[in-house]
Amino acid sequence: MGKLTTDSAIEASLKNDPSASEALIEGYVSEVKRLKIFRFGIYYPVRNPITGGHHYYLAHFCNHEDGYCYMANFMAKVERTLQGLSRRPGDLFGGQSAQLELLEIRNEFIANAEEDAVKRIASALPEIFGQRRWLGRRVQNREIFAAIVDQFRFSTMRKEWLKALRRLEQAGKVKMDGSDDSSYTLISRT
């Protein structure tokens, strides 16, 4: 098995250096994928909502694009909820436990960042299509979604991926063939 990190990174991690912890989990996810134990892997830093610090990571591995995309979508909702709660310190938890509050996804926080995310995705998609050699080919949306997650991790959500694709279609840069469900394909124009 390959070495996930250096001895100095392990020592720094043991001293609670956040960048070392990030390097360790990133190395772990990369190694699992490199060894082809799983095709996809994503991790999320589980933070203390009051202090903003984190003590552990949630890592998700799977062999199918759908599982990868669903988990990234869930992580993005949690992240937006956490960011929204942190902006309202007087109302942070309303007397409820921090754990329960984080498990309650807040749609109000999710919608606030949507337009910016759609713009970022739409501007990145032409490059993603080019990197994947998808131009002029039909591509399952799950493949496109997985490529978006590769680039944006848990900072964007499925509905934003769809909106970005629809914008590109309206601009004449892509053509979608099918319905709004997960079985449609995309035809890219050169």
N, C-alpha and C. Protein backbone atom coordinates (compact mmCIF):
# COMPACT_ATOMS: atom_id res chain seq x y z
N MET A 1 0.85 -1.19 0.00
CA MET A 1 0.00 0.00 0.00
C MET A 1 0.89 1.24 0.00
N GLY A 2 0.50 2.24 -0.77
CA GLY A 2 1.27 3.48 -0.84
C GLY A 2 1.19 4.25 0.46
N LYS A 3 2.14 5.12 0.66
CA LYS A 3 2.16 5.93 1.86
C LYS A 3 1.24 7.13 1.68
N LEU A 4 0.34 7.34 2.63
CA LEU A 4 -0.66 8.39 2.51
C LEU A 4 -0.10 9.77 2.75
N THR A 5 0.91 9.87 3.59
CA THR A 5 1.43 11.18 3.96
C THR A 5 2.85 11.02 4.51
N THR A 6 3.43 12.12 4.91
CA THR A 6 4.77 12.09 5.48
C THR A 6 4.69 11.96 7.01
N ASP A 7 5.80 11.55 7.60
CA ASP A 7 5.86 11.45 9.06
C ASP A 7 5.66 12.82 9.71
N SER A 8 6.18 13.88 9.09
CA SER A 8 6.02 15.21 9.66
C SER A 8 4.56 15.66 9.61
N ALA A 9 3.82 15.25 8.57
CA ALA A 9 2.40 15.60 8.49
C ALA A 9 1.61 14.87 9.57
N ILE A 10 1.97 13.63 9.84
CA ILE A 10 1.30 12.88 10.92
C ILE A 10 1.58 13.55 12.26
N GLU A 11 2.83 13.94 12.48
CA GLU A 11 3.18 14.61 13.73
C GLU A 11 2.43 15.93 13.87
N ALA A 12 2.35 16.70 12.78
CA ALA A 12 1.60 17.97 12.81
C ALA A 12 0.13 17.72 13.08
N SER A 13 -0.41 16.64 12.53
CA SER A 13 -1.81 16.31 12.76
C SER A 13 -2.06 15.98 14.22
N LEU A 14 -1.13 15.25 14.81
CA LEU A 14 -1.26 14.91 16.23
C LEU A 14 -1.20 16.15 17.11
N LYS A 15 -0.60 17.21 16.60
CA LYS A 15 -0.53 18.48 17.34
C LYS A 15 -1.70 19.38 16.98
N ASN A 16 -2.73 18.80 16.34
CA ASN A 16 -3.96 19.52 15.96
C ASN A 16 -3.74 20.63 14.94
N ASP A 17 -2.82 20.45 14.03
CA ASP A 17 -2.62 21.39 12.94
C ASP A 17 -3.70 21.11 11.89
N PRO A 18 -4.64 22.05 11.66
CA PRO A 18 -5.75 21.79 10.74
C PRO A 18 -5.31 21.46 9.31
N SER A 19 -4.25 22.09 8.83
CA SER A 19 -3.82 21.80 7.46
C SER A 19 -3.27 20.38 7.35
N ALA A 20 -2.66 19.88 8.42
CA ALA A 20 -2.15 18.51 8.40
C ALA A 20 -3.31 17.52 8.39
N SER A 21 -4.35 17.81 9.14
CA SER A 21 -5.53 16.93 9.15
C SER A 21 -6.15 16.87 7.76
N GLU A 22 -6.23 18.01 7.12
CA GLU A 22 -6.78 18.08 5.76
C GLU A 22 -5.93 17.26 4.80
N ALA A 23 -4.62 17.35 4.92
CA ALA A 23 -3.72 16.59 4.05
C ALA A 23 -3.87 15.09 4.29
N LEU A 24 -4.07 14.70 5.54
CA LEU A 24 -4.24 13.28 5.85
C LEU A 24 -5.52 12.71 5.22
N ILE A 25 -6.62 13.40 5.38
CA ILE A 25 -7.88 12.89 4.84
C ILE A 25 -7.86 12.92 3.31
N GLU A 26 -7.27 13.96 2.75
CA GLU A 26 -7.16 14.04 1.29
C GLU A 26 -6.29 12.90 0.75
N GLY A 27 -5.21 12.59 1.46
CA GLY A 27 -4.35 11.48 1.07
C GLY A 27 -5.06 10.15 1.19
N TYR A 28 -5.85 10.00 2.24
CA TYR A 28 -6.61 8.77 2.43
C TYR A 28 -7.61 8.55 1.30
N VAL A 29 -8.38 9.59 0.97
CA VAL A 29 -9.36 9.49 -0.11
C VAL A 29 -8.66 9.20 -1.44
N SER A 30 -7.57 9.90 -1.70
CA SER A 30 -6.82 9.68 -2.95
C SER A 30 -6.28 8.25 -3.04
N GLU A 31 -5.79 7.74 -1.93
CA GLU A 31 -5.22 6.39 -1.93
C GLU A 31 -6.31 5.33 -2.16
N VAL A 32 -7.46 5.50 -1.55
CA VAL A 32 -8.56 4.56 -1.76
C VAL A 32 -8.96 4.53 -3.23
N LYS A 33 -9.01 5.70 -3.86
CA LYS A 33 -9.35 5.76 -5.28
C LYS A 33 -8.21 5.22 -6.15
N ARG A 34 -6.98 5.53 -5.79
CA ARG A 34 -5.83 5.05 -6.56
C ARG A 34 -5.76 3.52 -6.55
N LEU A 35 -6.06 2.93 -5.41
CA LEU A 35 -6.04 1.47 -5.30
C LEU A 35 -7.29 0.83 -5.91
N LYS A 36 -8.19 1.68 -6.38
CA LYS A 36 -9.43 1.23 -7.02
C LYS A 36 -10.30 0.40 -6.09
N ILE A 37 -10.24 0.74 -4.80
CA ILE A 37 -11.15 0.13 -3.83
C ILE A 37 -12.55 0.68 -4.11
N PHE A 38 -12.60 1.98 -4.36
CA PHE A 38 -13.82 2.67 -4.79
C PHE A 38 -13.44 3.65 -5.89
N ARG A 39 -14.38 3.93 -6.80
CA ARG A 39 -14.14 4.89 -7.88
C ARG A 39 -14.24 6.33 -7.41
N PHE A 40 -15.15 6.58 -6.48
CA PHE A 40 -15.43 7.95 -6.04
C PHE A 40 -15.25 8.09 -4.54
N GLY A 41 -14.78 9.24 -4.13
CA GLY A 41 -14.64 9.54 -2.71
C GLY A 41 -14.73 11.03 -2.48
N ILE A 42 -15.39 11.39 -1.40
CA ILE A 42 -15.52 12.80 -1.02
C ILE A 42 -15.51 12.86 0.50
N TYR A 43 -14.98 13.94 1.03
CA TYR A 43 -14.95 14.08 2.49
C TYR A 43 -15.44 15.46 2.89
N TYR A 44 -15.96 15.53 4.10
CA TYR A 44 -16.52 16.78 4.63
C TYR A 44 -15.99 16.99 6.04
N PRO A 45 -15.46 18.18 6.35
CA PRO A 45 -14.99 18.45 7.71
C PRO A 45 -16.19 18.72 8.62
N VAL A 46 -16.40 17.86 9.59
CA VAL A 46 -17.51 18.05 10.53
C VAL A 46 -17.04 19.05 11.57
N ARG A 47 -17.68 20.23 11.55
CA ARG A 47 -17.26 21.34 12.40
C ARG A 47 -18.18 21.52 13.60
N ASN A 48 -17.61 22.05 14.63
CA ASN A 48 -18.40 22.47 15.77
C ASN A 48 -19.10 23.76 15.36
N PRO A 49 -20.44 23.78 15.32
CA PRO A 49 -21.14 24.96 14.81
C PRO A 49 -20.91 26.22 15.63
N ILE A 50 -20.56 26.09 16.88
CA ILE A 50 -20.37 27.27 17.72
C ILE A 50 -18.97 27.85 17.53
N THR A 51 -17.95 26.98 17.50
CA THR A 51 -16.58 27.47 17.39
C THR A 51 -16.08 27.50 15.95
N GLY A 52 -16.71 26.75 15.06
CA GLY A 52 -16.25 26.68 13.68
C GLY A 52 -15.13 25.69 13.47
N GLY A 53 -14.57 25.14 14.54
CA GLY A 53 -13.52 24.15 14.42
C GLY A 53 -14.10 22.78 14.13
N HIS A 54 -13.25 21.87 13.69
CA HIS A 54 -13.75 20.52 13.47
C HIS A 54 -12.83 19.51 14.14
N HIS A 55 -13.40 18.36 14.43
CA HIS A 55 -12.65 17.33 15.13
C HIS A 55 -12.51 16.06 14.32
N TYR A 56 -13.35 15.90 13.29
CA TYR A 56 -13.27 14.71 12.47
C TYR A 56 -13.87 15.00 11.09
N TYR A 57 -13.72 14.02 10.18
CA TYR A 57 -14.23 14.15 8.82
C TYR A 57 -15.25 13.05 8.55
N LEU A 58 -16.20 13.37 7.73
CA LEU A 58 -17.12 12.39 7.19
C LEU A 58 -16.61 12.07 5.79
N ALA A 59 -16.19 10.83 5.57
CA ALA A 59 -15.72 10.41 4.24
C ALA A 59 -16.73 9.45 3.65
N HIS A 60 -17.03 9.66 2.39
CA HIS A 60 -17.99 8.82 1.69
C HIS A 60 -17.31 8.24 0.45
N PHE A 61 -17.43 6.93 0.29
CA PHE A 61 -16.87 6.24 -0.87
C PHE A 61 -17.96 5.43 -1.55
N CYS A 62 -17.88 5.34 -2.86
CA CYS A 62 -18.84 4.53 -3.61
C CYS A 62 -18.28 4.25 -5.00
N ASN A 63 -18.98 3.39 -5.72
CA ASN A 63 -18.54 3.04 -7.07
C ASN A 63 -19.46 3.58 -8.16
N HIS A 64 -20.45 4.33 -7.78
CA HIS A 64 -21.40 4.84 -8.78
C HIS A 64 -21.52 6.35 -8.66
N GLU A 65 -21.65 7.01 -9.81
CA GLU A 65 -21.76 8.47 -9.84
C GLU A 65 -22.92 8.98 -8.99
N ASP A 66 -24.04 8.26 -9.01
CA ASP A 66 -25.22 8.74 -8.28
C ASP A 66 -24.94 8.88 -6.78
N GLY A 67 -24.31 7.87 -6.19
CA GLY A 67 -24.00 7.94 -4.76
C GLY A 67 -23.06 9.09 -4.45
N TYR A 68 -22.10 9.30 -5.30
CA TYR A 68 -21.12 10.38 -5.16
C TYR A 68 -21.83 11.74 -5.21
N CYS A 69 -22.71 11.88 -6.19
CA CYS A 69 -23.41 13.15 -6.37
C CYS A 69 -24.43 13.40 -5.26
N TYR A 70 -25.15 12.36 -4.86
CA TYR A 70 -26.13 12.53 -3.77
C TYR A 70 -25.44 12.95 -2.48
N MET A 71 -24.30 12.34 -2.17
CA MET A 71 -23.59 12.70 -0.94
C MET A 71 -23.05 14.13 -1.02
N ALA A 72 -22.51 14.52 -2.16
CA ALA A 72 -22.02 15.90 -2.31
C ALA A 72 -23.16 16.89 -2.18
N ASN A 73 -24.32 16.55 -2.73
CA ASN A 73 -25.49 17.40 -2.62
C ASN A 73 -25.91 17.55 -1.15
N PHE A 74 -25.93 16.46 -0.42
CA PHE A 74 -26.26 16.51 1.01
C PHE A 74 -25.25 17.35 1.78
N MET A 75 -23.96 17.13 1.50
CA MET A 75 -22.91 17.89 2.18
C MET A 75 -23.04 19.38 1.88
N ALA A 76 -23.40 19.73 0.66
CA ALA A 76 -23.57 21.14 0.29
C ALA A 76 -24.73 21.76 1.09
N LYS A 77 -25.81 21.02 1.27
CA LYS A 77 -26.94 21.53 2.06
C LYS A 77 -26.54 21.75 3.51
N VAL A 78 -25.79 20.82 4.06
CA VAL A 78 -25.30 20.98 5.44
C VAL A 78 -24.38 22.19 5.54
N GLU A 79 -23.48 22.33 4.57
CA GLU A 79 -22.53 23.45 4.58
C GLU A 79 -23.26 24.79 4.51
N ARG A 80 -24.24 24.90 3.62
CA ARG A 80 -25.00 26.15 3.50
C ARG A 80 -25.77 26.44 4.78
N THR A 81 -26.33 25.40 5.40
CA THR A 81 -27.05 25.59 6.66
C THR A 81 -26.09 26.09 7.73
N LEU A 82 -24.92 25.48 7.81
CA LEU A 82 -23.93 25.89 8.81
C LEU A 82 -23.49 27.33 8.57
N GLN A 83 -23.23 27.69 7.32
CA GLN A 83 -22.83 29.06 7.00
C GLN A 83 -23.94 30.05 7.35
N GLY A 84 -25.17 29.70 7.06
CA GLY A 84 -26.29 30.57 7.38
C GLY A 84 -26.47 30.74 8.86
N LEU A 85 -26.33 29.66 9.62
CA LEU A 85 -26.45 29.75 11.07
C LEU A 85 -25.34 30.59 11.68
N SER A 86 -24.15 30.48 11.12
CA SER A 86 -23.02 31.23 11.68
C SER A 86 -23.17 32.73 11.44
N ARG A 87 -23.97 33.12 10.45
CA ARG A 87 -24.19 34.54 10.18
C ARG A 87 -25.25 35.13 11.10
N ARG A 88 -25.95 34.28 11.84
CA ARG A 88 -27.01 34.74 12.75
C ARG A 88 -26.67 34.30 14.17
N PRO A 89 -25.61 34.85 14.76
CA PRO A 89 -25.14 34.36 16.06
C PRO A 89 -26.16 34.48 17.18
N GLY A 90 -26.98 35.51 17.18
CA GLY A 90 -27.97 35.65 18.25
C GLY A 90 -29.04 34.58 18.19
N ASP A 91 -29.22 33.99 17.03
CA ASP A 91 -30.26 32.99 16.80
C ASP A 91 -29.63 31.65 16.45
N LEU A 92 -28.35 31.45 16.83
CA LEU A 92 -27.59 30.31 16.34
C LEU A 92 -28.31 28.99 16.54
N PHE A 93 -28.78 28.72 17.73
CA PHE A 93 -29.42 27.43 17.95
C PHE A 93 -30.75 27.53 18.67
N GLY A 94 -31.19 28.70 19.02
CA GLY A 94 -32.50 28.87 19.62
C GLY A 94 -32.78 27.92 20.77
N GLY A 95 -31.77 27.58 21.55
CA GLY A 95 -31.97 26.71 22.69
C GLY A 95 -31.89 25.23 22.36
N GLN A 96 -31.84 24.87 21.09
CA GLN A 96 -31.75 23.46 20.73
C GLN A 96 -30.29 23.02 20.74
N SER A 97 -30.09 21.72 20.77
CA SER A 97 -28.71 21.23 20.74
C SER A 97 -28.11 21.49 19.36
N ALA A 98 -26.81 21.67 19.34
CA ALA A 98 -26.12 21.94 18.08
C ALA A 98 -26.29 20.80 17.10
N GLN A 99 -26.26 19.57 17.59
CA GLN A 99 -26.37 18.41 16.71
C GLN A 99 -27.72 18.39 16.00
N LEU A 100 -28.79 18.64 16.73
CA LEU A 100 -30.12 18.64 16.11
C LEU A 100 -30.25 19.76 15.10
N GLU A 101 -29.70 20.92 15.41
CA GLU A 101 -29.81 22.06 14.49
C GLU A 101 -29.10 21.77 13.17
N LEU A 102 -27.93 21.13 13.23
CA LEU A 102 -27.20 20.84 12.00
C LEU A 102 -27.92 19.81 11.15
N LEU A 103 -28.62 18.89 11.77
CA LEU A 103 -29.34 17.87 11.02
C LEU A 103 -30.58 18.42 10.34
N GLU A 104 -31.02 19.58 10.77
CA GLU A 104 -32.19 20.22 10.17
C GLU A 104 -31.71 21.14 9.06
N ILE A 105 -31.84 20.68 7.83
CA ILE A 105 -31.39 21.48 6.69
C ILE A 105 -32.31 22.68 6.56
N ARG A 106 -31.73 23.85 6.46
CA ARG A 106 -32.51 25.08 6.38
C ARG A 106 -32.55 25.57 4.94
N ASN A 107 -33.70 25.49 4.31
CA ASN A 107 -33.84 25.90 2.91
C ASN A 107 -33.58 27.38 2.70
N GLU A 108 -33.84 28.20 3.71
CA GLU A 108 -33.61 29.64 3.56
C GLU A 108 -32.14 29.93 3.29
N PHE A 109 -31.23 29.17 3.91
CA PHE A 109 -29.81 29.39 3.72
C PHE A 109 -29.34 28.81 2.38
N ILE A 110 -29.97 27.73 1.98
CA ILE A 110 -29.59 27.06 0.74
C ILE A 110 -29.87 27.97 -0.46
N ALA A 111 -31.02 28.63 -0.47
CA ALA A 111 -31.41 29.46 -1.61
C ALA A 111 -30.55 30.70 -1.76
N ASN A 112 -30.04 31.23 -0.67
CA ASN A 112 -29.28 32.49 -0.73
C ASN A 112 -28.04 32.42 -1.62
N ALA A 113 -27.37 31.29 -1.66
CA ALA A 113 -26.12 31.18 -2.42
C ALA A 113 -26.34 30.58 -3.81
N GLU A 114 -27.57 30.30 -4.17
CA GLU A 114 -27.86 29.56 -5.40
C GLU A 114 -27.41 30.27 -6.67
N GLU A 115 -27.74 31.53 -6.84
CA GLU A 115 -27.43 32.24 -8.10
C GLU A 115 -25.92 32.30 -8.35
N ASP A 116 -25.16 32.57 -7.32
CA ASP A 116 -23.70 32.62 -7.47
C ASP A 116 -23.16 31.25 -7.89
N ALA A 117 -23.68 30.20 -7.27
CA ALA A 117 -23.22 28.85 -7.59
C ALA A 117 -23.55 28.49 -9.04
N VAL A 118 -24.75 28.84 -9.50
CA VAL A 118 -25.15 28.55 -10.87
C VAL A 118 -24.20 29.25 -11.85
N LYS A 119 -23.85 30.49 -11.58
CA LYS A 119 -22.93 31.22 -12.45
C LYS A 119 -21.55 30.55 -12.49
N ARG A 120 -21.05 30.15 -11.32
CA ARG A 120 -19.73 29.50 -11.26
C ARG A 120 -19.73 28.18 -12.03
N ILE A 121 -20.79 27.41 -11.88
CA ILE A 121 -20.87 26.13 -12.58
C ILE A 121 -20.97 26.34 -14.08
N ALA A 122 -21.86 27.25 -14.49
CA ALA A 122 -22.06 27.51 -15.93
C ALA A 122 -20.76 27.97 -16.58
N SER A 123 -19.98 28.78 -15.88
CA SER A 123 -18.72 29.25 -16.48
C SER A 123 -17.67 28.14 -16.50
N ALA A 124 -17.76 27.16 -15.60
CA ALA A 124 -16.78 26.07 -15.57
C ALA A 124 -17.14 24.92 -16.50
N LEU A 125 -18.41 24.78 -16.85
CA LEU A 125 -18.83 23.62 -17.65
C LEU A 125 -18.15 23.49 -19.01
N PRO A 126 -17.98 24.57 -19.78
CA PRO A 126 -17.28 24.40 -21.06
C PRO A 126 -15.89 23.79 -20.90
N GLU A 127 -15.17 24.21 -19.88
CA GLU A 127 -13.85 23.64 -19.62
C GLU A 127 -13.96 22.17 -19.19
N ILE A 128 -14.95 21.86 -18.36
CA ILE A 128 -15.17 20.48 -17.93
C ILE A 128 -15.47 19.60 -19.14
N PHE A 129 -16.34 20.09 -20.04
CA PHE A 129 -16.65 19.32 -21.24
C PHE A 129 -15.39 19.07 -22.07
N GLY A 130 -14.56 20.10 -22.21
CA GLY A 130 -13.33 19.96 -22.99
C GLY A 130 -12.34 19.00 -22.37
N GLN A 131 -12.19 19.04 -21.05
CA GLN A 131 -11.27 18.14 -20.36
C GLN A 131 -11.70 16.69 -20.49
N ARG A 132 -12.99 16.46 -20.51
CA ARG A 132 -13.51 15.09 -20.54
C ARG A 132 -13.70 14.57 -21.96
N ARG A 133 -13.37 15.38 -22.95
CA ARG A 133 -13.53 15.00 -24.36
C ARG A 133 -14.99 14.64 -24.66
N TRP A 134 -15.89 15.46 -24.15
CA TRP A 134 -17.31 15.23 -24.31
C TRP A 134 -17.91 16.04 -25.45
N LEU A 135 -17.18 16.96 -26.04
CA LEU A 135 -17.74 17.82 -27.08
C LEU A 135 -18.30 17.00 -28.23
N GLY A 136 -19.56 17.29 -28.58
CA GLY A 136 -20.20 16.60 -29.68
C GLY A 136 -20.71 15.21 -29.34
N ARG A 137 -20.58 14.76 -28.10
CA ARG A 137 -21.01 13.43 -27.69
C ARG A 137 -22.19 13.52 -26.73
N ARG A 138 -23.01 12.50 -26.73
CA ARG A 138 -24.06 12.38 -25.73
C ARG A 138 -23.42 11.90 -24.43
N VAL A 139 -23.79 12.55 -23.35
CA VAL A 139 -23.20 12.22 -22.05
C VAL A 139 -24.32 12.12 -21.03
N GLN A 140 -24.32 11.07 -20.26
CA GLN A 140 -25.31 10.93 -19.19
C GLN A 140 -25.11 12.05 -18.18
N ASN A 141 -26.21 12.59 -17.67
CA ASN A 141 -26.06 13.70 -16.72
C ASN A 141 -25.31 13.27 -15.47
N ARG A 142 -25.39 12.01 -15.07
CA ARG A 142 -24.66 11.58 -13.87
C ARG A 142 -23.16 11.73 -14.06
N GLU A 143 -22.67 11.56 -15.29
CA GLU A 143 -21.25 11.76 -15.57
C GLU A 143 -20.88 13.24 -15.44
N ILE A 144 -21.75 14.09 -15.96
CA ILE A 144 -21.52 15.54 -15.85
C ILE A 144 -21.56 15.97 -14.40
N PHE A 145 -22.56 15.47 -13.66
CA PHE A 145 -22.68 15.82 -12.25
C PHE A 145 -21.45 15.38 -11.46
N ALA A 146 -20.94 14.18 -11.74
CA ALA A 146 -19.74 13.70 -11.05
C ALA A 146 -18.54 14.60 -11.37
N ALA A 147 -18.44 15.07 -12.61
CA ALA A 147 -17.35 15.98 -12.98
C ALA A 147 -17.50 17.32 -12.25
N ILE A 148 -18.74 17.78 -12.08
CA ILE A 148 -18.97 19.02 -11.34
C ILE A 148 -18.56 18.83 -9.88
N VAL A 149 -18.92 17.69 -9.29
CA VAL A 149 -18.52 17.42 -7.90
C VAL A 149 -17.01 17.33 -7.79
N ASP A 150 -16.35 16.72 -8.78
CA ASP A 150 -14.88 16.68 -8.77
C ASP A 150 -14.30 18.08 -8.64
N GLN A 151 -14.91 19.03 -9.33
CA GLN A 151 -14.38 20.39 -9.33
C GLN A 151 -14.84 21.21 -8.12
N PHE A 152 -16.11 21.09 -7.76
CA PHE A 152 -16.67 21.98 -6.73
C PHE A 152 -16.89 21.29 -5.37
N ARG A 153 -16.65 20.00 -5.30
CA ARG A 153 -16.86 19.21 -4.08
C ARG A 153 -18.24 19.47 -3.49
N PHE A 154 -18.33 19.93 -2.27
CA PHE A 154 -19.64 20.10 -1.63
C PHE A 154 -20.07 21.57 -1.56
N SER A 155 -19.60 22.37 -2.52
CA SER A 155 -19.99 23.79 -2.49
C SER A 155 -21.17 24.11 -3.39
N THR A 156 -21.62 23.13 -4.18
CA THR A 156 -22.76 23.34 -5.07
C THR A 156 -23.73 22.17 -4.95
N MET A 157 -24.96 22.40 -5.40
CA MET A 157 -25.99 21.38 -5.27
C MET A 157 -26.58 20.97 -6.61
N ARG A 158 -27.26 19.84 -6.60
CA ARG A 158 -27.82 19.26 -7.81
C ARG A 158 -28.72 20.24 -8.56
N LYS A 159 -29.59 20.93 -7.86
CA LYS A 159 -30.49 21.85 -8.57
C LYS A 159 -29.71 22.96 -9.25
N GLU A 160 -28.56 23.33 -8.71
CA GLU A 160 -27.70 24.34 -9.34
C GLU A 160 -27.00 23.76 -10.56
N TRP A 161 -26.65 22.48 -10.51
CA TRP A 161 -26.03 21.84 -11.67
C TRP A 161 -27.02 21.85 -12.83
N LEU A 162 -28.28 21.51 -12.52
CA LEU A 162 -29.32 21.49 -13.56
C LEU A 162 -29.58 22.89 -14.12
N LYS A 163 -29.65 23.89 -13.26
CA LYS A 163 -29.87 25.26 -13.72
C LYS A 163 -28.73 25.74 -14.60
N ALA A 164 -27.51 25.39 -14.24
CA ALA A 164 -26.35 25.79 -15.05
C ALA A 164 -26.41 25.14 -16.43
N LEU A 165 -26.78 23.87 -16.48
CA LEU A 165 -26.92 23.18 -17.76
C LEU A 165 -28.03 23.80 -18.60
N ARG A 166 -29.12 24.17 -17.96
CA ARG A 166 -30.23 24.80 -18.70
C ARG A 166 -29.81 26.17 -19.24
N ARG A 167 -29.02 26.90 -18.49
CA ARG A 167 -28.51 28.20 -18.99
C ARG A 167 -27.66 28.02 -20.22
N LEU A 168 -26.80 27.02 -20.19
CA LEU A 168 -25.96 26.76 -21.35
C LEU A 168 -26.80 26.31 -22.54
N GLU A 169 -27.86 25.58 -22.27
CA GLU A 169 -28.76 25.18 -23.35
C GLU A 169 -29.44 26.40 -23.95
N GLN A 170 -29.92 27.31 -23.11
CA GLN A 170 -30.57 28.54 -23.60
C GLN A 170 -29.59 29.40 -24.40
N ALA A 171 -28.32 29.35 -24.04
CA ALA A 171 -27.30 30.11 -24.75
C ALA A 171 -26.85 29.42 -26.03
N GLY A 172 -27.38 28.22 -26.29
CA GLY A 172 -27.03 27.48 -27.50
C GLY A 172 -25.71 26.75 -27.43
N LYS A 173 -25.16 26.59 -26.25
CA LYS A 173 -23.86 25.93 -26.11
C LYS A 173 -23.99 24.42 -25.92
N VAL A 174 -25.13 23.97 -25.42
CA VAL A 174 -25.39 22.54 -25.27
C VAL A 174 -26.84 22.27 -25.64
N LYS A 175 -27.12 21.02 -25.94
CA LYS A 175 -28.49 20.63 -26.22
C LYS A 175 -28.81 19.41 -25.38
N MET A 176 -29.89 19.49 -24.60
CA MET A 176 -30.28 18.37 -23.78
C MET A 176 -31.36 17.57 -24.49
N ASP A 177 -31.24 16.30 -24.36
CA ASP A 177 -32.18 15.39 -24.99
C ASP A 177 -32.82 14.56 -23.89
N GLY A 178 -34.12 14.74 -23.62
CA GLY A 178 -34.80 13.96 -22.60
C GLY A 178 -35.54 14.83 -21.62
N SER A 179 -35.88 14.22 -20.51
CA SER A 179 -36.69 14.90 -19.49
C SER A 179 -35.81 15.45 -18.38
N ASP A 180 -36.45 15.98 -17.33
CA ASP A 180 -35.72 16.56 -16.21
C ASP A 180 -35.21 15.52 -15.22
N ASP A 181 -35.58 14.25 -15.39
CA ASP A 181 -35.12 13.26 -14.42
C ASP A 181 -33.68 12.85 -14.70
N SER A 182 -33.18 11.92 -13.93
CA SER A 182 -31.76 11.59 -14.00
C SER A 182 -31.39 10.75 -15.21
N SER A 183 -32.31 10.47 -16.10
CA SER A 183 -31.98 9.61 -17.24
C SER A 183 -31.72 10.38 -18.53
N TYR A 184 -31.83 11.70 -18.53
CA TYR A 184 -31.59 12.41 -19.79
C TYR A 184 -30.12 12.48 -20.11
N THR A 185 -29.84 12.72 -21.36
CA THR A 185 -28.44 12.83 -21.81
C THR A 185 -28.22 14.24 -22.33
N LEU A 186 -26.98 14.57 -22.49
CA LEU A 186 -26.62 15.90 -22.95
C LEU A 186 -25.82 15.77 -24.24
N ILE A 187 -26.12 16.60 -25.20
CA ILE A 187 -25.36 16.63 -26.45
C ILE A 187 -24.63 17.96 -26.49
N SER A 188 -23.31 17.91 -26.47
CA SER A 188 -22.50 19.13 -26.52
C SER A 188 -22.24 19.50 -27.96
N ARG A 189 -22.28 20.79 -28.25
CA ARG A 189 -21.93 21.26 -29.60
C ARG A 189 -20.53 21.83 -29.59
N THR A 190 -19.78 21.54 -30.63
CA THR A 190 -18.42 22.09 -30.73
C THR A 190 -18.48 23.53 -31.15
